[in-house]
Amino acid sequence: MSALIRLEEVSKRYEMASETIHALRGVSIDIEVGEYVAIVGPSGSGKSTMMNVIGCLDTPTSGRYHLSGTDVSEMSENALADVRNRRIGFVFQSFHLLPRLSAFENVELPLVYRGDPARRRRELAEAKLAEVGLADRMTHKPTELSGGQRQRVAIARALVTDPALLLADEPTGNLDQATGAEILGTFDRIHAAGQTIVLVTHEPKIAEHASRVIEIRDGRIDVDRPSAKRGG
């Protein structure tokens, strides 16, 4: 079986005035279905660019990116948007919830964009909110929820389309230590149920919650190893 994610000699350059920034330099990795991988590195290491490429938010300057065996490296913007909506679930540090919508309505939104009928949307959104322990908070708006509850709403929204990949960008960055640990526990349960997760963080301790850790520096993979969690 081909890897869920395959980067082949991926490079990304940005032209900034008279300067060329090499954000990624010939990165090659495979991530299999069902893996829980952390990408870790300091600010400016290239991890955010790598996340953007994996999440189809940006395209490589050179090299190839295959997602589920499909080359997405040169897809049109519309095609990439469709991949993001149907194949990838995103969880961000700042939650990105719409403040005027309830928890249920926020979770339902990707299904609205996908064109699912109302009854199906309700079934899926309610199921995902229950899965993250928020069955009793469906009508609450983000301002009526704690930070941890908001992030769990965001996780439910990311999972509601049954994505091949859950991509989490610093998901505990705006949370206190205890609440962050709860969110990481939620990721553990989701992974145990078979979900592929790529977690991007600058904190080595957070990265060790994954099963595999990829350390990136100066746009290159410096280390690719099993995490301490796996006994590596």
C-alpha atoms as a PDB file:
ATOM      1  CA  MET A   1       0.000   0.000   0.000  1.00  0.00           C
ATOM      2  CA  SER A   2       1.305   3.454  -0.860  1.00  0.00           C
ATOM      3  CA  ALA A   3       1.841   5.934   1.946  1.00  0.00           C
ATOM      4  CA  LEU A   4      -0.967   8.310   2.861  1.00  0.00           C
ATOM      5  CA  ILE A   5       1.542  11.187   2.631  1.00  0.00           C
ATOM      6  CA  ARG A   6       4.598  11.061   0.382  1.00  0.00           C
ATOM      7  CA  LEU A   7       6.900  14.047  -0.052  1.00  0.00           C
ATOM      8  CA  GLU A   8       9.562  13.525  -2.707  1.00  0.00           C
ATOM      9  CA  GLU A   9      12.448  16.018  -2.728  1.00  0.00           C
ATOM     10  CA  VAL A  10      10.085  18.859  -1.845  1.00  0.00           C
ATOM     11  CA  SER A  11      11.587  22.340  -1.812  1.00  0.00           C
ATOM     12  CA  LYS A  12       9.882  25.665  -1.225  1.00  0.00           C
ATOM     13  CA  ARG A  13      11.397  29.052  -1.966  1.00  0.00           C
ATOM     14  CA  TYR A  14       9.976  32.497  -1.292  1.00  0.00           C
ATOM     15  CA  GLU A  15      11.209  35.639  -3.020  1.00  0.00           C
ATOM     16  CA  MET A  16      11.388  38.493  -0.523  1.00  0.00           C
ATOM     17  CA  ALA A  17      12.492  41.703  -2.299  1.00  0.00           C
ATOM     18  CA  SER A  18      16.070  40.912  -3.351  1.00  0.00           C
ATOM     19  CA  GLU A  19      16.359  37.910  -1.025  1.00  0.00           C
ATOM     20  CA  THR A  20      15.433  34.269  -1.672  1.00  0.00           C
ATOM     21  CA  ILE A  21      14.197  32.352   1.386  1.00  0.00           C
ATOM     22  CA  HIS A  22      14.695  28.577   1.227  1.00  0.00           C
ATOM     23  CA  ALA A  23      11.966  27.361   3.573  1.00  0.00           C
ATOM     24  CA  LEU A  24      12.224  23.683   2.582  1.00  0.00           C
ATOM     25  CA  ARG A  25      15.256  22.016   1.005  1.00  0.00           C
ATOM     26  CA  GLY A  26      14.664  18.647  -0.648  1.00  0.00           C
ATOM     27  CA  VAL A  27      12.414  17.091   2.012  1.00  0.00           C
ATOM     28  CA  SER A  28      11.396  13.449   1.473  1.00  0.00           C
ATOM     29  CA  ILE A  29       9.143  11.568   3.904  1.00  0.00           C
ATOM     30  CA  ASP A  30       6.462   8.884   3.934  1.00  0.00           C
ATOM     31  CA  ILE A  31       3.664   8.863   6.504  1.00  0.00           C
ATOM     32  CA  GLU A  32       1.493   5.749   6.550  1.00  0.00           C
ATOM     33  CA  VAL A  33      -2.221   5.423   7.228  1.00  0.00           C
ATOM     34  CA  GLY A  34      -2.849   5.329  10.991  1.00  0.00           C
ATOM     35  CA  GLU A  35       0.418   6.967  12.057  1.00  0.00           C
ATOM     36  CA  TYR A  36       0.603   9.711  14.692  1.00  0.00           C
ATOM     37  CA  VAL A  37       3.513  11.949  13.694  1.00  0.00           C
ATOM     38  CA  ALA A  38       4.824  15.128  15.300  1.00  0.00           C
ATOM     39  CA  ILE A  39       6.782  17.661  13.252  1.00  0.00           C
ATOM     40  CA  VAL A  40       8.900  19.721  15.611  1.00  0.00           C
ATOM     41  CA  GLY A  41      11.381  22.542  15.170  1.00  0.00           C
ATOM     42  CA  PRO A  42      12.191  26.074  16.286  1.00  0.00           C
ATOM     43  CA  SER A  43      10.744  29.189  14.682  1.00  0.00           C
ATOM     44  CA  GLY A  44      12.038  29.560  11.129  1.00  0.00           C
ATOM     45  CA  SER A  45      12.962  25.876  10.804  1.00  0.00           C
ATOM     46  CA  GLY A  46      10.500  25.200   7.979  1.00  0.00           C
ATOM     47  CA  LYS A  47       7.916  23.235   9.964  1.00  0.00           C
ATOM     48  CA  SER A  48       5.091  25.694   9.207  1.00  0.00           C
ATOM     49  CA  THR A  49       5.898  25.567   5.494  1.00  0.00           C
ATOM     50  CA  MET A  50       5.966  21.777   5.659  1.00  0.00           C
ATOM     51  CA  MET A  51       2.572  21.841   7.386  1.00  0.00           C
ATOM     52  CA  ASN A  52       1.180  24.159   4.704  1.00  0.00           C
ATOM     53  CA  VAL A  53       2.376  21.830   1.945  1.00  0.00           C
ATOM     54  CA  ILE A  54       0.992  18.723   3.676  1.00  0.00           C
ATOM     55  CA  GLY A  55      -2.295  20.551   4.289  1.00  0.00           C
ATOM     56  CA  CYS A  56      -2.547  21.676   0.631  1.00  0.00           C
ATOM     57  CA  LEU A  57      -2.449  25.297   1.800  1.00  0.00           C
ATOM     58  CA  ASP A  58       0.701  25.855  -0.277  1.00  0.00           C
ATOM     59  CA  THR A  59       2.401  24.109  -3.191  1.00  0.00           C
ATOM     60  CA  PRO A  60       6.060  23.086  -3.552  1.00  0.00           C
ATOM     61  CA  THR A  61       8.453  25.101  -5.694  1.00  0.00           C
ATOM     62  CA  SER A  62       9.920  21.759  -6.768  1.00  0.00           C
ATOM     63  CA  GLY A  63       9.423  18.114  -5.880  1.00  0.00           C
ATOM     64  CA  ARG A  64       6.230  16.074  -5.549  1.00  0.00           C
ATOM     65  CA  TYR A  65       3.549  15.617  -2.903  1.00  0.00           C
ATOM     66  CA  HIS A  66       1.257  12.602  -3.113  1.00  0.00           C
ATOM     67  CA  LEU A  67      -1.769  12.372  -0.805  1.00  0.00           C
ATOM     68  CA  SER A  68      -3.470   8.964  -0.820  1.00  0.00           C
ATOM     69  CA  GLY A  69      -1.552   8.176  -4.013  1.00  0.00           C
ATOM     70  CA  THR A  70      -2.742  11.302  -5.846  1.00  0.00           C
ATOM     71  CA  ASP A  71      -0.184  13.901  -6.941  1.00  0.00           C
ATOM     72  CA  VAL A  72      -1.497  17.189  -5.523  1.00  0.00           C
ATOM     73  CA  SER A  73       1.691  19.170  -6.288  1.00  0.00           C
ATOM     74  CA  GLU A  74       0.287  20.981  -9.302  1.00  0.00           C
ATOM     75  CA  MET A  75      -3.453  20.978  -8.664  1.00  0.00           C
ATOM     76  CA  SER A  76      -5.505  24.109  -9.306  1.00  0.00           C
ATOM     77  CA  GLU A  77      -6.676  26.232  -6.359  1.00  0.00           C
ATOM     78  CA  ASN A  78     -10.213  24.887  -6.735  1.00  0.00           C
ATOM     79  CA  ALA A  79      -9.000  21.289  -6.741  1.00  0.00           C
ATOM     80  CA  LEU A  80      -6.827  21.919  -3.673  1.00  0.00           C
ATOM     81  CA  ALA A  81      -9.789  23.515  -1.875  1.00  0.00           C
ATOM     82  CA  ASP A  82     -11.809  20.371  -2.556  1.00  0.00           C
ATOM     83  CA  VAL A  83      -8.995  18.183  -1.176  1.00  0.00           C
ATOM     84  CA  ARG A  84      -8.823  20.343   1.966  1.00  0.00           C
ATOM     85  CA  ASN A  85     -12.569  20.095   2.502  1.00  0.00           C
ATOM     86  CA  ARG A  86     -12.903  16.370   1.891  1.00  0.00           C
ATOM     87  CA  ARG A  87      -9.567  14.780   2.806  1.00  0.00           C
ATOM     88  CA  ILE A  88      -7.974  16.933   5.536  1.00  0.00           C
ATOM     89  CA  GLY A  89      -9.244  18.125   8.915  1.00  0.00           C
ATOM     90  CA  PHE A  90      -7.505  21.152  10.444  1.00  0.00           C
ATOM     91  CA  VAL A  91      -7.071  22.093  14.114  1.00  0.00           C
ATOM     92  CA  PHE A  92      -5.407  25.439  14.818  1.00  0.00           C
ATOM     93  CA  GLN A  93      -3.898  27.099  17.879  1.00  0.00           C
ATOM     94  CA  SER A  94      -6.517  29.876  17.870  1.00  0.00           C
ATOM     95  CA  PHE A  95      -9.501  27.538  17.253  1.00  0.00           C
ATOM     96  CA  HIS A  96     -10.881  29.543  14.265  1.00  0.00           C
ATOM     97  CA  LEU A  97     -14.488  29.174  15.419  1.00  0.00           C
ATOM     98  CA  LEU A  98     -17.141  31.582  14.139  1.00  0.00           C
ATOM     99  CA  PRO A  99     -18.286  33.553  17.216  1.00  0.00           C
ATOM    100  CA  ARG A 100     -21.924  33.993  16.172  1.00  0.00           C
ATOM    101  CA  LEU A 101     -22.479  30.290  15.570  1.00  0.00           C
ATOM    102  CA  SER A 102     -23.203  27.631  18.187  1.00  0.00           C
ATOM    103  CA  ALA A 103     -20.871  24.689  18.747  1.00  0.00           C
ATOM    104  CA  PHE A 104     -23.207  22.558  16.623  1.00  0.00           C
ATOM    105  CA  GLU A 105     -23.297  25.109  13.799  1.00  0.00           C
ATOM    106  CA  ASN A 106     -19.500  25.440  13.794  1.00  0.00           C
ATOM    107  CA  VAL A 107     -19.074  21.675  13.534  1.00  0.00           C
ATOM    108  CA  GLU A 108     -21.764  21.427  10.849  1.00  0.00           C
ATOM    109  CA  LEU A 109     -20.176  24.079   8.615  1.00  0.00           C
ATOM    110  CA  PRO A 110     -17.797  21.849   6.566  1.00  0.00           C
ATOM    111  CA  LEU A 111     -20.795  19.644   5.739  1.00  0.00           C
ATOM    112  CA  VAL A 112     -22.742  22.681   4.550  1.00  0.00           C
ATOM    113  CA  TYR A 113     -19.852  23.540   2.216  1.00  0.00           C
ATOM    114  CA  ARG A 114     -19.801  19.929   1.041  1.00  0.00           C
ATOM    115  CA  GLY A 115     -23.491  20.014   0.233  1.00  0.00           C
ATOM    116  CA  ASP A 116     -24.693  17.322   2.650  1.00  0.00           C
ATOM    117  CA  PRO A 117     -28.455  17.297   3.397  1.00  0.00           C
ATOM    118  CA  ALA A 118     -29.610  18.801   6.718  1.00  0.00           C
ATOM    119  CA  ARG A 119     -30.523  15.498   8.382  1.00  0.00           C
ATOM    120  CA  ARG A 120     -27.140  13.978   7.561  1.00  0.00           C
ATOM    121  CA  ARG A 121     -25.366  17.124   8.798  1.00  0.00           C
ATOM    122  CA  ARG A 122     -27.188  16.930  12.110  1.00  0.00           C
ATOM    123  CA  GLU A 123     -26.392  13.255  12.629  1.00  0.00           C
ATOM    124  CA  LEU A 124     -22.688  13.700  11.909  1.00  0.00           C
ATOM    125  CA  ALA A 125     -22.222  16.945  13.869  1.00  0.00           C
ATOM    126  CA  GLU A 126     -24.016  15.609  16.945  1.00  0.00           C
ATOM    127  CA  ALA A 127     -22.005  12.386  16.818  1.00  0.00           C
ATOM    128  CA  LYS A 128     -18.659  14.199  16.630  1.00  0.00           C
ATOM    129  CA  LEU A 129     -19.541  16.601  19.453  1.00  0.00           C
ATOM    130  CA  ALA A 130     -20.539  13.632  21.598  1.00  0.00           C
ATOM    131  CA  GLU A 131     -17.256  11.922  20.674  1.00  0.00           C
ATOM    132  CA  VAL A 132     -15.258  14.831  22.150  1.00  0.00           C
ATOM    133  CA  GLY A 133     -17.455  15.022  25.265  1.00  0.00           C
ATOM    134  CA  LEU A 134     -19.557  18.045  24.333  1.00  0.00           C
ATOM    135  CA  ALA A 135     -23.012  16.529  23.808  1.00  0.00           C
ATOM    136  CA  ASP A 136     -24.346  18.941  26.450  1.00  0.00           C
ATOM    137  CA  ARG A 137     -22.737  22.052  24.911  1.00  0.00           C
ATOM    138  CA  MET A 138     -24.090  21.912  21.357  1.00  0.00           C
ATOM    139  CA  THR A 139     -26.118  25.134  21.597  1.00  0.00           C
ATOM    140  CA  HIS A 140     -23.371  27.140  23.329  1.00  0.00           C
ATOM    141  CA  LYS A 141     -21.480  29.807  21.407  1.00  0.00           C
ATOM    142  CA  PRO A 142     -17.663  29.996  21.612  1.00  0.00           C
ATOM    143  CA  THR A 143     -17.783  32.846  24.159  1.00  0.00           C
ATOM    144  CA  GLU A 144     -19.770  30.552  26.460  1.00  0.00           C
ATOM    145  CA  LEU A 145     -17.132  27.824  26.342  1.00  0.00           C
ATOM    146  CA  SER A 146     -13.740  27.390  28.011  1.00  0.00           C
ATOM    147  CA  GLY A 147     -10.565  27.311  25.938  1.00  0.00           C
ATOM    148  CA  GLY A 148     -10.396  23.530  26.147  1.00  0.00           C
ATOM    149  CA  GLN A 149     -14.038  23.198  25.127  1.00  0.00           C
ATOM    150  CA  ARG A 150     -13.465  25.498  22.144  1.00  0.00           C
ATOM    151  CA  GLN A 151     -10.558  23.370  21.005  1.00  0.00           C
ATOM    152  CA  ARG A 152     -12.682  20.235  21.322  1.00  0.00           C
ATOM    153  CA  VAL A 153     -15.338  21.896  19.161  1.00  0.00           C
ATOM    154  CA  ALA A 154     -12.577  22.616  16.631  1.00  0.00           C
ATOM    155  CA  ILE A 155     -11.479  18.956  16.771  1.00  0.00           C
ATOM    156  CA  ALA A 156     -15.061  17.793  16.209  1.00  0.00           C
ATOM    157  CA  ARG A 157     -15.351  20.158  13.243  1.00  0.00           C
ATOM    158  CA  ALA A 158     -12.077  18.811  11.812  1.00  0.00           C
ATOM    159  CA  LEU A 159     -13.302  15.205  12.101  1.00  0.00           C
ATOM    160  CA  VAL A 160     -16.881  15.663  10.891  1.00  0.00           C
ATOM    161  CA  THR A 161     -16.011  15.060   7.213  1.00  0.00           C
ATOM    162  CA  ASP A 162     -14.226  11.793   8.113  1.00  0.00           C
ATOM    163  CA  PRO A 163     -10.884  13.068   6.760  1.00  0.00           C
ATOM    164  CA  ALA A 164      -7.980  10.848   5.795  1.00  0.00           C
ATOM    165  CA  LEU A 165      -5.667  13.180   7.727  1.00  0.00           C
ATOM    166  CA  LEU A 166      -6.043  15.290  10.874  1.00  0.00           C
ATOM    167  CA  LEU A 167      -3.516  18.141  10.785  1.00  0.00           C
ATOM    168  CA  ALA A 168      -3.019  19.990  14.076  1.00  0.00           C
ATOM    169  CA  ASP A 169      -0.996  23.218  14.247  1.00  0.00           C
ATOM    170  CA  GLU A 170       0.160  24.028  17.813  1.00  0.00           C
ATOM    171  CA  PRO A 171      -3.221  22.799  19.152  1.00  0.00           C
ATOM    172  CA  THR A 172      -2.321  23.391  22.815  1.00  0.00           C
ATOM    173  CA  GLY A 173      -0.571  26.738  22.280  1.00  0.00           C
ATOM    174  CA  ASN A 174      -3.385  28.873  23.741  1.00  0.00           C
ATOM    175  CA  LEU A 175      -4.200  26.516  26.610  1.00  0.00           C
ATOM    176  CA  ASP A 176      -2.865  26.079  30.129  1.00  0.00           C
ATOM    177  CA  GLN A 177      -0.866  22.954  30.889  1.00  0.00           C
ATOM    178  CA  ALA A 178      -3.723  20.919  32.391  1.00  0.00           C
ATOM    179  CA  THR A 179      -6.143  21.768  29.578  1.00  0.00           C
ATOM    180  CA  GLY A 180      -3.435  21.101  26.991  1.00  0.00           C
ATOM    181  CA  ALA A 181      -2.924  17.655  28.503  1.00  0.00           C
ATOM    182  CA  GLU A 182      -6.671  16.986  28.133  1.00  0.00           C
ATOM    183  CA  ILE A 183      -6.539  17.940  24.447  1.00  0.00           C
ATOM    184  CA  LEU A 184      -3.538  15.670  23.886  1.00  0.00           C
ATOM    185  CA  GLY A 185      -5.533  12.906  25.566  1.00  0.00           C
ATOM    186  CA  THR A 186      -8.319  13.552  23.060  1.00  0.00           C
ATOM    187  CA  PHE A 187      -5.803  13.137  20.227  1.00  0.00           C
ATOM    188  CA  ASP A 188      -4.628   9.865  21.795  1.00  0.00           C
ATOM    189  CA  ARG A 189      -8.193   8.510  21.755  1.00  0.00           C
ATOM    190  CA  ILE A 190      -8.781   9.665  18.173  1.00  0.00           C
ATOM    191  CA  HIS A 191      -5.536   8.033  17.047  1.00  0.00           C
ATOM    192  CA  ALA A 192      -6.389   4.809  18.871  1.00  0.00           C
ATOM    193  CA  ALA A 193      -9.603   4.729  16.818  1.00  0.00           C
ATOM    194  CA  GLY A 194      -7.484   4.700  13.633  1.00  0.00           C
ATOM    195  CA  GLN A 195      -7.163   8.362  12.679  1.00  0.00           C
ATOM    196  CA  THR A 196      -3.923   9.494  11.006  1.00  0.00           C
ATOM    197  CA  ILE A 197      -2.617  12.597  12.818  1.00  0.00           C
ATOM    198  CA  VAL A 198       0.176  15.035  11.977  1.00  0.00           C
ATOM    199  CA  LEU A 199       0.884  17.401  14.871  1.00  0.00           C
ATOM    200  CA  VAL A 200       3.051  20.489  14.326  1.00  0.00           C
ATOM    201  CA  THR A 201       4.703  22.012  17.400  1.00  0.00           C
ATOM    202  CA  HIS A 202       7.776  23.875  18.577  1.00  0.00           C
ATOM    203  CA  GLU A 203       7.682  22.092  21.955  1.00  0.00           C
ATOM    204  CA  PRO A 204       9.675  18.837  22.181  1.00  0.00           C
ATOM    205  CA  LYS A 205       7.601  17.609  25.157  1.00  0.00           C
ATOM    206  CA  ILE A 206       4.387  17.962  23.160  1.00  0.00           C
ATOM    207  CA  ALA A 207       5.977  16.132  20.222  1.00  0.00           C
ATOM    208  CA  GLU A 208       6.686  13.098  22.421  1.00  0.00           C
ATOM    209  CA  HIS A 209       2.929  12.456  22.692  1.00  0.00           C
ATOM    210  CA  ALA A 210       3.035  11.250  19.078  1.00  0.00           C
ATOM    211  CA  SER A 211       4.423   7.865  18.049  1.00  0.00           C
ATOM    212  CA  ARG A 212       6.997   9.289  15.622  1.00  0.00           C
ATOM    213  CA  VAL A 213       8.916  12.560  15.787  1.00  0.00           C
ATOM    214  CA  ILE A 214      10.325  14.395  12.769  1.00  0.00           C
ATOM    215  CA  GLU A 215      12.697  17.196  13.731  1.00  0.00           C
ATOM    216  CA  ILE A 216      13.266  19.849  11.079  1.00  0.00           C
ATOM    217  CA  ARG A 217      16.025  22.464  10.972  1.00  0.00           C
ATOM    218  CA  ASP A 218      16.970  24.948   8.262  1.00  0.00           C
ATOM    219  CA  GLY A 219      14.404  23.446   5.910  1.00  0.00           C
ATOM    220  CA  ARG A 220      15.792  19.914   6.156  1.00  0.00           C
ATOM    221  CA  ILE A 221      14.822  16.849   8.180  1.00  0.00           C
ATOM    222  CA  ASP A 222      17.399  16.600  10.938  1.00  0.00           C
ATOM    223  CA  VAL A 223      15.984  13.595  12.826  1.00  0.00           C
ATOM    224  CA  ASP A 224      13.211  11.083  12.093  1.00  0.00           C
ATOM    225  CA  ARG A 225      12.707   8.681  15.015  1.00  0.00           C
ATOM    226  CA  PRO A 226      10.195   6.827  17.170  1.00  0.00           C
ATOM    227  CA  SER A 227       9.024   8.930  20.123  1.00  0.00           C
ATOM    228  CA  ALA A 228       9.781   8.220  23.752  1.00  0.00           C
ATOM    229  CA  LYS A 229       6.128   7.155  24.021  1.00  0.00           C
ATOM    230  CA  ARG A 230       6.957   4.236  21.729  1.00  0.00           C
ATOM    231  CA  GLY A 231      10.126   3.442  23.596  1.00  0.00           C
ATOM    232  CA  GLY A 232      12.437   4.907  20.994  1.00  0.00           C
END
